[in-house]
Amino acid sequence: MSPILLVTLALALYLMATIAWVQALRSVPLSVAFMFNSLAFVLVPVAGFVVFGEPIPRFFLLGLALIIGGILLVTYG
């Protein structure tokens, strides 16, 4: 793939993410939406494990559990 195509694709995906973020902020409070933004710290390592077979260290699992626990606490608590 050419670098120009990759940059164009990256910008298009960034634009889509920004539009999705603005739409989310219209329906939920910022404090709740921002907590779900931290799901990227959970989903990226899990995707790395599933797609590339990367190991997930034990201390990292603790961090993932804390993030998920915080999201659940804010959402349901």
Protein backbone atom coordinates (compact mmCIF):
# COMPACT_ATOMS: atom_id res chain seq x y z
CA MET A 1 0.00 0.00 0.00
CA SER A 2 1.21 3.46 -0.78
CA PRO A 3 1.88 5.88 2.08
CA ILE A 4 -0.65 8.38 0.71
CA LEU A 5 -3.38 5.73 0.75
CA LEU A 6 -2.49 4.76 4.32
CA VAL A 7 -2.59 8.38 5.50
CA THR A 8 -5.92 8.93 3.74
CA LEU A 9 -7.35 5.80 5.34
CA ALA A 10 -6.07 6.85 8.77
CA LEU A 11 -7.61 10.31 8.42
CA ALA A 12 -10.94 8.86 7.30
CA LEU A 13 -11.03 6.49 10.26
CA TYR A 14 -10.09 9.32 12.62
CA LEU A 15 -12.92 11.42 11.21
CA MET A 16 -15.37 8.57 11.71
CA ALA A 17 -14.20 8.09 15.30
CA THR A 18 -14.62 11.80 16.00
CA ILE A 19 -18.14 11.81 14.58
CA ALA A 20 -19.02 8.75 16.67
CA TRP A 21 -17.61 10.47 19.79
CA VAL A 22 -19.71 13.61 19.18
CA GLN A 23 -22.81 11.49 18.63
CA ALA A 24 -22.13 9.61 21.87
CA LEU A 25 -21.80 12.88 23.77
CA ARG A 26 -25.25 13.90 22.57
CA SER A 27 -26.87 10.94 24.30
CA VAL A 28 -24.83 10.32 27.46
CA PRO A 29 -23.02 12.54 29.98
CA LEU A 30 -19.33 13.22 29.44
CA SER A 31 -18.37 11.38 32.64
CA VAL A 32 -19.95 8.17 31.37
CA ALA A 33 -18.75 8.53 27.77
CA PHE A 34 -15.18 9.17 28.88
CA MET A 35 -15.17 6.00 30.96
CA PHE A 36 -16.11 4.00 27.89
CA ASN A 37 -13.28 5.73 26.05
CA SER A 38 -10.91 3.88 28.36
CA LEU A 39 -12.12 0.60 26.88
CA ALA A 40 -9.44 1.11 24.23
CA PHE A 41 -6.89 0.18 26.90
CA VAL A 42 -8.74 -3.11 27.30
CA LEU A 43 -9.64 -3.89 23.71
CA VAL A 44 -6.24 -3.23 22.13
CA PRO A 45 -4.29 -5.77 24.25
CA VAL A 46 -7.08 -8.33 23.91
CA ALA A 47 -7.09 -7.84 20.13
CA GLY A 48 -3.29 -8.17 20.13
CA PHE A 49 -3.64 -11.46 21.98
CA VAL A 50 -6.38 -12.79 19.70
CA VAL A 51 -4.98 -11.58 16.37
CA PHE A 52 -1.21 -11.72 16.88
CA GLY A 53 -0.86 -14.14 19.79
CA GLU A 54 0.89 -11.56 21.98
CA PRO A 55 1.15 -12.55 25.62
CA ILE A 56 -0.67 -10.49 28.24
CA PRO A 57 1.41 -10.14 31.43
CA ARG A 58 -0.25 -10.83 34.79
CA PHE A 59 0.16 -7.27 36.07
CA PHE A 60 -1.54 -6.07 32.91
CA LEU A 61 -4.51 -8.32 33.63
CA LEU A 62 -4.85 -6.57 36.98
CA GLY A 63 -4.97 -3.21 35.20
CA LEU A 64 -7.57 -4.51 32.76
CA ALA A 65 -9.70 -5.74 35.65
CA LEU A 66 -9.45 -2.35 37.37
CA ILE A 67 -10.50 -0.52 34.21
CA ILE A 68 -13.45 -2.83 33.63
CA GLY A 69 -14.42 -2.58 37.30
CA GLY A 70 -14.32 1.22 37.13
CA ILE A 71 -16.48 1.27 34.04
CA LEU A 72 -19.02 -1.04 35.66
CA LEU A 73 -19.01 1.05 38.83
CA VAL A 74 -19.65 4.29 36.95
CA THR A 75 -22.25 2.72 34.68
CA TYR A 76 -24.29 0.78 37.23
CA GLY A 77 -23.22 2.23 40.58
